[in-house]
PDB file of N, CA and C in Angstrom:
ATOM      1  N   MET A   1       0.826  -1.193   0.000  1.00  0.00           N
ATOM      2  CA  MET A   1       0.000   0.000   0.000  1.00  0.00           C
ATOM      3  C   MET A   1       0.871   1.258   0.000  1.00  0.00           C
ATOM      4  N   GLU A   2       1.956   1.196   0.765  1.00  0.00           N
ATOM      5  CA  GLU A   2       2.838   2.355   0.853  1.00  0.00           C
ATOM      6  C   GLU A   2       3.466   2.664  -0.512  1.00  0.00           C
ATOM      7  N   LYS A   3       3.855   1.609  -1.236  1.00  0.00           N
ATOM      8  CA  LYS A   3       4.433   1.791  -2.575  1.00  0.00           C
ATOM      9  C   LYS A   3       3.412   2.441  -3.501  1.00  0.00           C
ATOM     10  N   LEU A   4       2.166   2.014  -3.412  1.00  0.00           N
ATOM     11  CA  LEU A   4       1.095   2.560  -4.252  1.00  0.00           C
ATOM     12  C   LEU A   4       0.918   4.057  -4.001  1.00  0.00           C
ATOM     13  N   ILE A   5       0.897   4.449  -2.754  1.00  0.00           N
ATOM     14  CA  ILE A   5       0.740   5.862  -2.403  1.00  0.00           C
ATOM     15  C   ILE A   5       1.941   6.664  -2.891  1.00  0.00           C
ATOM     16  N   TYR A   6       3.129   6.121  -2.692  1.00  0.00           N
ATOM     17  CA  TYR A   6       4.346   6.800  -3.132  1.00  0.00           C
ATOM     18  C   TYR A   6       4.360   6.977  -4.653  1.00  0.00           C
ATOM     19  N   LEU A   7       4.015   5.914  -5.384  1.00  0.00           N
ATOM     20  CA  LEU A   7       3.980   6.015  -6.841  1.00  0.00           C
ATOM     21  C   LEU A   7       2.934   7.019  -7.314  1.00  0.00           C
ATOM     22  N   ASN A   8       1.798   7.050  -6.654  1.00  0.00           N
ATOM     23  CA  ASN A   8       0.765   8.031  -7.018  1.00  0.00           C
ATOM     24  C   ASN A   8       1.251   9.456  -6.772  1.00  0.00           C
ATOM     25  N   ASN A   9       1.964   9.662  -5.684  1.00  0.00           N
ATOM     26  CA  ASN A   9       2.532  10.984  -5.411  1.00  0.00           C
ATOM     27  C   ASN A   9       3.577  11.361  -6.456  1.00  0.00           C
ATOM     28  N   LEU A  10       4.417  10.404  -6.826  1.00  0.00           N
ATOM     29  CA  LEU A  10       5.409  10.672  -7.871  1.00  0.00           C
ATOM     30  C   LEU A  10       4.721  10.965  -9.198  1.00  0.00           C
ATOM     31  N   TYR A  11       3.661  10.236  -9.485  1.00  0.00           N
ATOM     32  CA  TYR A  11       2.916  10.465 -10.728  1.00  0.00           C
ATOM     33  C   TYR A  11       2.313  11.870 -10.740  1.00  0.00           C
ATOM     34  N   ASP A  12       1.809  12.317  -9.608  1.00  0.00           N
ATOM     35  CA  ASP A  12       1.272  13.682  -9.524  1.00  0.00           C
ATOM     36  C   ASP A  12       2.340  14.714  -9.879  1.00  0.00           C
ATOM     37  N   LEU A  13       3.558  14.459  -9.463  1.00  0.00           N
ATOM     38  CA  LEU A  13       4.647  15.397  -9.712  1.00  0.00           C
ATOM     39  C   LEU A  13       5.240  15.263 -11.109  1.00  0.00           C
ATOM     40  N   TYR A  14       5.410  14.031 -11.572  1.00  0.00           N
ATOM     41  CA  TYR A  14       6.181  13.791 -12.798  1.00  0.00           C
ATOM     42  C   TYR A  14       5.374  13.178 -13.942  1.00  0.00           C
ATOM     43  N   GLY A  15       4.107  12.940 -13.740  1.00  0.00           N
ATOM     44  CA  GLY A  15       3.296  12.274 -14.758  1.00  0.00           C
ATOM     45  C   GLY A  15       3.323  12.959 -16.109  1.00  0.00           C
ATOM     46  N   SER A  16       3.395  14.272 -16.105  1.00  0.00           N
ATOM     47  CA  SER A  16       3.399  15.005 -17.375  1.00  0.00           C
ATOM     48  C   SER A  16       4.689  14.775 -18.166  1.00  0.00           C
ATOM     49  N   LEU A  17       5.706  14.199 -17.540  1.00  0.00           N
ATOM     50  CA  LEU A  17       6.951  13.892 -18.233  1.00  0.00           C
ATOM     51  C   LEU A  17       6.896  12.546 -18.954  1.00  0.00           C
ATOM     52  N   LEU A  18       5.851  11.786 -18.702  1.00  0.00           N
ATOM     53  CA  LEU A  18       5.657  10.503 -19.369  1.00  0.00           C
ATOM     54  C   LEU A  18       4.924  10.707 -20.688  1.00  0.00           C
ATOM     55  N   THR A  19       5.033   9.728 -21.580  1.00  0.00           N
ATOM     56  CA  THR A  19       4.279   9.803 -22.834  1.00  0.00           C
ATOM     57  C   THR A  19       2.794   9.624 -22.531  1.00  0.00           C
ATOM     58  N   SER A  20       1.958   9.971 -23.472  1.00  0.00           N
ATOM     59  CA  SER A  20       0.514   9.845 -23.249  1.00  0.00           C
ATOM     60  C   SER A  20       0.117   8.375 -23.056  1.00  0.00           C
ATOM     61  N   LYS A  21       0.761   7.452 -23.783  1.00  0.00           N
ATOM     62  CA  LYS A  21       0.464   6.026 -23.587  1.00  0.00           C
ATOM     63  C   LYS A  21       0.888   5.573 -22.196  1.00  0.00           C
ATOM     64  N   GLN A  22       2.038   6.026 -21.758  1.00  0.00           N
ATOM     65  CA  GLN A  22       2.499   5.658 -20.421  1.00  0.00           C
ATOM     66  C   GLN A  22       1.547   6.200 -19.363  1.00  0.00           C
ATOM     67  N   GLN A  23       1.083   7.417 -19.544  1.00  0.00           N
ATOM     68  CA  GLN A  23       0.121   7.994 -18.611  1.00  0.00           C
ATOM     69  C   GLN A  23      -1.156   7.150 -18.590  1.00  0.00           C
ATOM     70  N   THR A  24      -1.605   6.755 -19.759  1.00  0.00           N
ATOM     71  CA  THR A  24      -2.825   5.946 -19.855  1.00  0.00           C
ATOM     72  C   THR A  24      -2.656   4.619 -19.138  1.00  0.00           C
ATOM     73  N   TYR A  25      -1.560   3.913 -19.403  1.00  0.00           N
ATOM     74  CA  TYR A  25      -1.337   2.616 -18.760  1.00  0.00           C
ATOM     75  C   TYR A  25      -1.232   2.765 -17.245  1.00  0.00           C
ATOM     76  N   PHE A  26      -0.515   3.780 -16.798  1.00  0.00           N
ATOM     77  CA  PHE A  26      -0.373   4.007 -15.359  1.00  0.00           C
ATOM     78  C   PHE A  26      -1.742   4.261 -14.732  1.00  0.00           C
ATOM     79  N   GLU A  27      -2.513   5.131 -15.339  1.00  0.00           N
ATOM     80  CA  GLU A  27      -3.825   5.471 -14.787  1.00  0.00           C
ATOM     81  C   GLU A  27      -4.773   4.275 -14.801  1.00  0.00           C
ATOM     82  N   GLU A  28      -4.726   3.482 -15.858  1.00  0.00           N
ATOM     83  CA  GLU A  28      -5.586   2.299 -15.917  1.00  0.00           C
ATOM     84  C   GLU A  28      -5.226   1.300 -14.812  1.00  0.00           C
ATOM     85  N   TYR A  29      -3.935   1.118 -14.594  1.00  0.00           N
ATOM     86  CA  TYR A  29      -3.498   0.141 -13.602  1.00  0.00           C
ATOM     87  C   TYR A  29      -3.650   0.654 -12.168  1.00  0.00           C
ATOM     88  N   TYR A  30      -3.184   1.874 -11.911  1.00  0.00           N
ATOM     89  CA  TYR A  30      -3.157   2.373 -10.536  1.00  0.00           C
ATOM     90  C   TYR A  30      -4.417   3.121 -10.112  1.00  0.00           C
ATOM     91  N   PHE A  31      -5.074   3.790 -11.040  1.00  0.00           N
ATOM     92  CA  PHE A  31      -6.271   4.544 -10.663  1.00  0.00           C
ATOM     93  C   PHE A  31      -7.547   3.741 -10.904  1.00  0.00           C
ATOM     94  N   ASN A  32      -7.596   3.020 -12.026  1.00  0.00           N
ATOM     95  CA  ASN A  32      -8.812   2.282 -12.380  1.00  0.00           C
ATOM     96  C   ASN A  32      -8.754   0.810 -11.976  1.00  0.00           C
ATOM     97  N   ASN A  33      -7.629   0.402 -11.385  1.00  0.00           N
ATOM     98  CA  ASN A  33      -7.451  -0.964 -10.868  1.00  0.00           C
ATOM     99  C   ASN A  33      -7.669  -2.056 -11.914  1.00  0.00           C
ATOM    100  N   LEU A  34      -7.287  -1.780 -13.161  1.00  0.00           N
ATOM    101  CA  LEU A  34      -7.367  -2.815 -14.182  1.00  0.00           C
ATOM    102  C   LEU A  34      -6.154  -3.730 -14.057  1.00  0.00           C
ATOM    103  N   SER A  35      -6.340  -4.986 -14.389  1.00  0.00           N
ATOM    104  CA  SER A  35      -5.233  -5.946 -14.358  1.00  0.00           C
ATOM    105  C   SER A  35      -4.413  -5.815 -15.645  1.00  0.00           C
ATOM    106  N   TYR A  36      -3.249  -6.492 -15.665  1.00  0.00           N
ATOM    107  CA  TYR A  36      -2.434  -6.500 -16.878  1.00  0.00           C
ATOM    108  C   TYR A  36      -3.250  -7.055 -18.047  1.00  0.00           C
ATOM    109  N   GLY A  37      -3.985  -8.112 -17.783  1.00  0.00           N
ATOM    110  CA  GLY A  37      -4.802  -8.735 -18.829  1.00  0.00           C
ATOM    111  C   GLY A  37      -5.872  -7.799 -19.363  1.00  0.00           C
ATOM    112  N   GLU A  38      -6.528  -7.086 -18.469  1.00  0.00           N
ATOM    113  CA  GLU A  38      -7.581  -6.161 -18.901  1.00  0.00           C
ATOM    114  C   GLU A  38      -7.003  -5.011 -19.721  1.00  0.00           C
ATOM    115  N   ILE A  39      -5.863  -4.509 -19.300  1.00  0.00           N
ATOM    116  CA  ILE A  39      -5.211  -3.423 -20.042  1.00  0.00           C
ATOM    117  C   ILE A  39      -4.748  -3.931 -21.404  1.00  0.00           C
ATOM    118  N   SER A  40      -4.175  -5.128 -21.427  1.00  0.00           N
ATOM    119  CA  SER A  40      -3.683  -5.669 -22.690  1.00  0.00           C
ATOM    120  C   SER A  40      -4.822  -5.891 -23.676  1.00  0.00           C
ATOM    121  N   GLU A  41      -5.960  -6.348 -23.209  1.00  0.00           N
ATOM    122  CA  GLU A  41      -7.126  -6.520 -24.085  1.00  0.00           C
ATOM    123  C   GLU A  41      -7.647  -5.177 -24.577  1.00  0.00           C
ATOM    124  N   LYS A  42      -7.748  -4.232 -23.676  1.00  0.00           N
ATOM    125  CA  LYS A  42      -8.309  -2.927 -24.015  1.00  0.00           C
ATOM    126  C   LYS A  42      -7.463  -2.192 -25.051  1.00  0.00           C
ATOM    127  N   TYR A  43      -6.141  -2.307 -24.946  1.00  0.00           N
ATOM    128  CA  TYR A  43      -5.258  -1.555 -25.842  1.00  0.00           C
ATOM    129  C   TYR A  43      -4.554  -2.440 -26.866  1.00  0.00           C
ATOM    130  N   GLU A  44      -4.991  -3.702 -26.943  1.00  0.00           N
ATOM    131  CA  GLU A  44      -4.490  -4.649 -27.936  1.00  0.00           C
ATOM    132  C   GLU A  44      -2.964  -4.765 -27.924  1.00  0.00           C
ATOM    133  N   ILE A  45      -2.431  -4.992 -26.730  1.00  0.00           N
ATOM    134  CA  ILE A  45      -1.013  -5.276 -26.563  1.00  0.00           C
ATOM    135  C   ILE A  45      -0.906  -6.577 -25.780  1.00  0.00           C
ATOM    136  N   SER A  46       0.259  -7.167 -25.778  1.00  0.00           N
ATOM    137  CA  SER A  46       0.412  -8.403 -25.017  1.00  0.00           C
ATOM    138  C   SER A  46       0.439  -8.089 -23.517  1.00  0.00           C
ATOM    139  N   ARG A  47       0.102  -9.092 -22.741  1.00  0.00           N
ATOM    140  CA  ARG A  47       0.125  -8.936 -21.293  1.00  0.00           C
ATOM    141  C   ARG A  47       1.550  -8.629 -20.831  1.00  0.00           C
ATOM    142  N   ASN A  48       2.525  -9.265 -21.470  1.00  0.00           N
ATOM    143  CA  ASN A  48       3.922  -9.046 -21.124  1.00  0.00           C
ATOM    144  C   ASN A  48       4.344  -7.610 -21.455  1.00  0.00           C
ATOM    145  N   ALA A  49       3.876  -7.085 -22.583  1.00  0.00           N
ATOM    146  CA  ALA A  49       4.200  -5.701 -22.960  1.00  0.00           C
ATOM    147  C   ALA A  49       3.614  -4.726 -21.940  1.00  0.00           C
ATOM    148  N   CYS A  50       2.426  -5.019 -21.471  1.00  0.00           N
ATOM    149  CA  CYS A  50       1.790  -4.189 -20.446  1.00  0.00           C
ATOM    150  C   CYS A  50       2.618  -4.210 -19.170  1.00  0.00           C
ATOM    151  N   PHE A  51       3.009  -5.403 -18.742  1.00  0.00           N
ATOM    152  CA  PHE A  51       3.829  -5.557 -17.541  1.00  0.00           C
ATOM    153  C   PHE A  51       5.130  -4.767 -17.673  1.00  0.00           C
ATOM    154  N   LYS A  52       5.802  -4.924 -18.825  1.00  0.00           N
ATOM    155  CA  LYS A  52       7.072  -4.234 -19.052  1.00  0.00           C
ATOM    156  C   LYS A  52       6.891  -2.717 -19.048  1.00  0.00           C
ATOM    157  N   GLN A  53       5.827  -2.235 -19.690  1.00  0.00           N
ATOM    158  CA  GLN A  53       5.577  -0.794 -19.728  1.00  0.00           C
ATOM    159  C   GLN A  53       5.379  -0.230 -18.328  1.00  0.00           C
ATOM    160  N   LEU A  54       4.629  -0.939 -17.504  1.00  0.00           N
ATOM    161  CA  LEU A  54       4.401  -0.459 -16.138  1.00  0.00           C
ATOM    162  C   LEU A  54       5.688  -0.463 -15.325  1.00  0.00           C
ATOM    163  N   LYS A  55       6.551  -1.440 -15.553  1.00  0.00           N
ATOM    164  CA  LYS A  55       7.855  -1.455 -14.874  1.00  0.00           C
ATOM    165  C   LYS A  55       8.716  -0.283 -15.352  1.00  0.00           C
ATOM    166  N   ILE A  56       8.703  -0.005 -16.646  1.00  0.00           N
ATOM    167  CA  ILE A  56       9.457   1.122 -17.198  1.00  0.00           C
ATOM    168  C   ILE A  56       8.941   2.433 -16.611  1.00  0.00           C
ATOM    169  N   ILE A  57       7.641   2.561 -16.511  1.00  0.00           N
ATOM    170  CA  ILE A  57       7.028   3.775 -15.957  1.00  0.00           C
ATOM    171  C   ILE A  57       7.467   3.962 -14.506  1.00  0.00           C
ATOM    172  N   GLU A  58       7.399   2.899 -13.717  1.00  0.00           N
ATOM    173  CA  GLU A  58       7.833   2.979 -12.317  1.00  0.00           C
ATOM    174  C   GLU A  58       9.293   3.411 -12.238  1.00  0.00           C
ATOM    175  N   GLU A  59      10.139   2.800 -13.062  1.00  0.00           N
ATOM    176  CA  GLU A  59      11.557   3.152 -13.063  1.00  0.00           C
ATOM    177  C   GLU A  59      11.773   4.614 -13.427  1.00  0.00           C
ATOM    178  N   LYS A  60      11.006   5.104 -14.397  1.00  0.00           N
ATOM    179  CA  LYS A  60      11.120   6.512 -14.787  1.00  0.00           C
ATOM    180  C   LYS A  60      10.708   7.430 -13.645  1.00  0.00           C
ATOM    181  N   LEU A  61       9.625   7.102 -12.956  1.00  0.00           N
ATOM    182  CA  LEU A  61       9.172   7.931 -11.839  1.00  0.00           C
ATOM    183  C   LEU A  61      10.216   7.962 -10.726  1.00  0.00           C
ATOM    184  N   TYR A  62      10.794   6.791 -10.426  1.00  0.00           N
ATOM    185  CA  TYR A  62      11.855   6.736  -9.414  1.00  0.00           C
ATOM    186  C   TYR A  62      13.086   7.530  -9.873  1.00  0.00           C
ATOM    187  N   PHE A  63      13.409   7.434 -11.149  1.00  0.00           N
ATOM    188  CA  PHE A  63      14.555   8.156 -11.695  1.00  0.00           C
ATOM    189  C   PHE A  63      14.348   9.664 -11.581  1.00  0.00           C
ATOM    190  N   PHE A  64      13.155  10.137 -11.964  1.00  0.00           N
ATOM    191  CA  PHE A  64      12.864  11.567 -11.871  1.00  0.00           C
ATOM    192  C   PHE A  64      13.001  12.059 -10.438  1.00  0.00           C
ATOM    193  N   GLU A  65      12.490  11.274  -9.498  1.00  0.00           N
ATOM    194  CA  GLU A  65      12.589  11.674  -8.085  1.00  0.00           C
ATOM    195  C   GLU A  65      14.036  11.649  -7.613  1.00  0.00           C
ATOM    196  N   GLU A  66      14.785  10.648  -8.054  1.00  0.00           N
ATOM    197  CA  GLU A  66      16.196  10.558  -7.667  1.00  0.00           C
ATOM    198  C   GLU A  66      16.969  11.797  -8.130  1.00  0.00           C
ATOM    199  N   LYS A  67      16.668  12.275  -9.314  1.00  0.00           N
ATOM    200  CA  LYS A  67      17.395  13.415  -9.880  1.00  0.00           C
ATOM    201  C   LYS A  67      16.841  14.761  -9.402  1.00  0.00           C
ATOM    202  N   LEU A  68      15.517  14.896  -9.359  1.00  0.00           N
ATOM    203  CA  LEU A  68      14.903  16.199  -9.056  1.00  0.00           C
ATOM    204  C   LEU A  68      14.513  16.373  -7.590  1.00  0.00           C
ATOM    205  N   LYS A  69      14.203  15.289  -6.930  1.00  0.00           N
ATOM    206  CA  LYS A  69      13.855  15.280  -5.508  1.00  0.00           C
ATOM    207  C   LYS A  69      12.691  16.210  -5.137  1.00  0.00           C
ATOM    208  N   LEU A  70      11.723  16.342  -6.034  1.00  0.00           N
ATOM    209  CA  LEU A  70      10.581  17.216  -5.759  1.00  0.00           C
ATOM    210  C   LEU A  70       9.706  16.683  -4.627  1.00  0.00           C
ATOM    211  N   TYR A  71       9.491  15.373  -4.587  1.00  0.00           N
ATOM    212  CA  TYR A  71       8.682  14.794  -3.521  1.00  0.00           C
ATOM    213  C   TYR A  71       9.374  14.973  -2.172  1.00  0.00           C
ATOM    214  N   TYR A  72      10.662  14.681  -2.130  1.00  0.00           N
ATOM    215  CA  TYR A  72      11.442  14.839  -0.906  1.00  0.00           C
ATOM    216  C   TYR A  72      11.377  16.282  -0.418  1.00  0.00           C
ATOM    217  N   LYS A  73      11.588  17.232  -1.332  1.00  0.00           N
ATOM    218  CA  LYS A  73      11.570  18.650  -0.961  1.00  0.00           C
ATOM    219  C   LYS A  73      10.186  19.080  -0.491  1.00  0.00           C
ATOM    220  N   LYS A  74       9.163  18.579  -1.152  1.00  0.00           N
ATOM    221  CA  LYS A  74       7.797  18.915  -0.757  1.00  0.00           C
ATOM    222  C   LYS A  74       7.507  18.418   0.659  1.00  0.00           C
ATOM    223  N   GLU A  75       7.933  17.192   0.963  1.00  0.00           N
ATOM    224  CA  GLU A  75       7.733  16.636   2.301  1.00  0.00           C
ATOM    225  C   GLU A  75       8.495  17.439   3.356  1.00  0.00           C
ATOM    226  N   LYS A  76       9.717  17.835   3.045  1.00  0.00           N
ATOM    227  CA  LYS A  76      10.510  18.654   3.973  1.00  0.00           C
ATOM    228  C   LYS A  76       9.845  20.004   4.214  1.00  0.00           C
ATOM    229  N   ILE A  77       9.377  20.633   3.149  1.00  0.00           N
ATOM    230  CA  ILE A  77       8.726  21.937   3.270  1.00  0.00           C
ATOM    231  C   ILE A  77       7.447  21.807   4.093  1.00  0.00           C
ATOM    232  N   ASN A  78       6.678  20.740   3.860  1.00  0.00           N
ATOM    233  CA  ASN A  78       5.456  20.533   4.641  1.00  0.00           C
ATOM    234  C   ASN A  78       5.773  20.338   6.121  1.00  0.00           C
ATOM    235  N   ALA A  79       6.867  19.650   6.417  1.00  0.00           N
ATOM    236  CA  ALA A  79       7.272  19.459   7.819  1.00  0.00           C
ATOM    237  C   ALA A  79       7.644  20.790   8.457  1.00  0.00           C
ATOM    238  N   ILE A  80       8.319  21.638   7.712  1.00  0.00           N
ATOM    239  CA  ILE A  80       8.690  22.969   8.218  1.00  0.00           C
ATOM    240  C   ILE A  80       7.446  23.824   8.418  1.00  0.00           C
ATOM    241  N   ILE A  81       6.533  23.764   7.466  1.00  0.00           N
ATOM    242  CA  ILE A  81       5.278  24.529   7.581  1.00  0.00           C
ATOM    243  C   ILE A  81       4.523  24.104   8.841  1.00  0.00           C
ATOM    244  N   ASP A  82       4.514  22.806   9.131  1.00  0.00           N
ATOM    245  CA  ASP A  82       3.822  22.308  10.330  1.00  0.00           C
ATOM    246  C   ASP A  82       4.404  22.870  11.614  1.00  0.00           C
ATOM    247  N   MET A  83       5.666  23.274  11.586  1.00  0.00           N
ATOM    248  CA  MET A  83       6.311  23.815  12.783  1.00  0.00           C
ATOM    249  C   MET A  83       6.050  25.320  12.953  1.00  0.00           C
ATOM    250  N   ILE A  84       5.510  25.969  11.947  1.00  0.00           N
ATOM    251  CA  ILE A  84       5.283  27.412  12.006  1.00  0.00           C
ATOM    252  C   ILE A  84       4.025  27.700  12.828  1.00  0.00           C
ATOM    253  N   ASN A  85       4.141  28.621  13.751  1.00  0.00           N
ATOM    254  CA  ASN A  85       3.012  28.975  14.609  1.00  0.00           C
ATOM    255  C   ASN A  85       2.177  30.128  14.056  1.00  0.00           C
ATOM    256  N   ASP A  86       2.783  31.000  13.267  1.00  0.00           N
ATOM    257  CA  ASP A  86       2.080  32.149  12.702  1.00  0.00           C
ATOM    258  C   ASP A  86       1.121  31.665  11.617  1.00  0.00           C
ATOM    259  N   LYS A  87      -0.182  31.780  11.878  1.00  0.00           N
ATOM    260  CA  LYS A  87      -1.195  31.242  10.974  1.00  0.00           C
ATOM    261  C   LYS A  87      -1.192  31.924   9.610  1.00  0.00           C
ATOM    262  N   LYS A  88      -0.903  33.219   9.587  1.00  0.00           N
ATOM    263  CA  LYS A  88      -0.902  33.949   8.319  1.00  0.00           C
ATOM    264  C   LYS A  88       0.230  33.457   7.416  1.00  0.00           C
ATOM    265  N   ILE A  89       1.405  33.343   7.971  1.00  0.00           N
ATOM    266  CA  ILE A  89       2.556  32.857   7.199  1.00  0.00           C
ATOM    267  C   ILE A  89       2.324  31.410   6.776  1.00  0.00           C
ATOM    268  N   LYS A  90       1.818  30.614   7.705  1.00  0.00           N
ATOM    269  CA  LYS A  90       1.534  29.212   7.416  1.00  0.00           C
ATOM    270  C   LYS A  90       0.562  29.069   6.242  1.00  0.00           C
ATOM    271  N   LYS A  91      -0.493  29.863   6.254  1.00  0.00           N
ATOM    272  CA  LYS A  91      -1.495  29.820   5.186  1.00  0.00           C
ATOM    273  C   LYS A  91      -0.886  30.238   3.853  1.00  0.00           C
ATOM    274  N   GLU A  92      -0.075  31.277   3.858  1.00  0.00           N
ATOM    275  CA  GLU A  92       0.554  31.739   2.613  1.00  0.00           C
ATOM    276  C   GLU A  92       1.487  30.665   2.040  1.00  0.00           C
ATOM    277  N   LEU A  93       2.229  29.998   2.871  1.00  0.00           N
ATOM    278  CA  LEU A  93       3.119  28.935   2.411  1.00  0.00           C
ATOM    279  C   LEU A  93       2.337  27.742   1.890  1.00  0.00           C
ATOM    280  N   GLU A  94       1.270  27.384   2.579  1.00  0.00           N
ATOM    281  CA  GLU A  94       0.443  26.250   2.130  1.00  0.00           C
ATOM    282  C   GLU A  94      -0.214  26.550   0.793  1.00  0.00           C
ATOM    283  N   ASP A  95      -0.560  27.788   0.550  1.00  0.00           N
ATOM    284  CA  ASP A  95      -1.195  28.166  -0.711  1.00  0.00           C
ATOM    285  C   ASP A  95      -0.247  28.060  -1.903  1.00  0.00           C
ATOM    286  N   LEU A  96       1.043  28.012  -1.638  1.00  0.00           N
ATOM    287  CA  LEU A  96       2.016  27.857  -2.727  1.00  0.00           C
ATOM    288  C   LEU A  96       1.935  26.469  -3.361  1.00  0.00           C
ATOM    289  N   PHE A  97       1.414  25.501  -2.617  1.00  0.00           N
ATOM    290  CA  PHE A  97       1.275  24.151  -3.137  1.00  0.00           C
ATOM    291  C   PHE A  97      -0.086  24.020  -3.741  1.00  0.00           C
TER     292      PHE A  97
END
């Protein structure tokens, strides 16, 4: 479950860097809960090709995070915001996200 949440967060940050087909496969598998078989039938690809594409997508998302660290930075900033007592400043910082 933790991996699923992490991948969804990475997709929110980096999904636009994927091809439209990769976005579709990711969304079908992770958002619509389709199986490899269902995706392969729907898009007329082999089940193995579907599996490989999803692995490539995961690797790309991990690679983007490794290089850009947007998720890590966002989590750090949120932790800092949580420590701020001034509600006005806190609200302004939260609105940046």
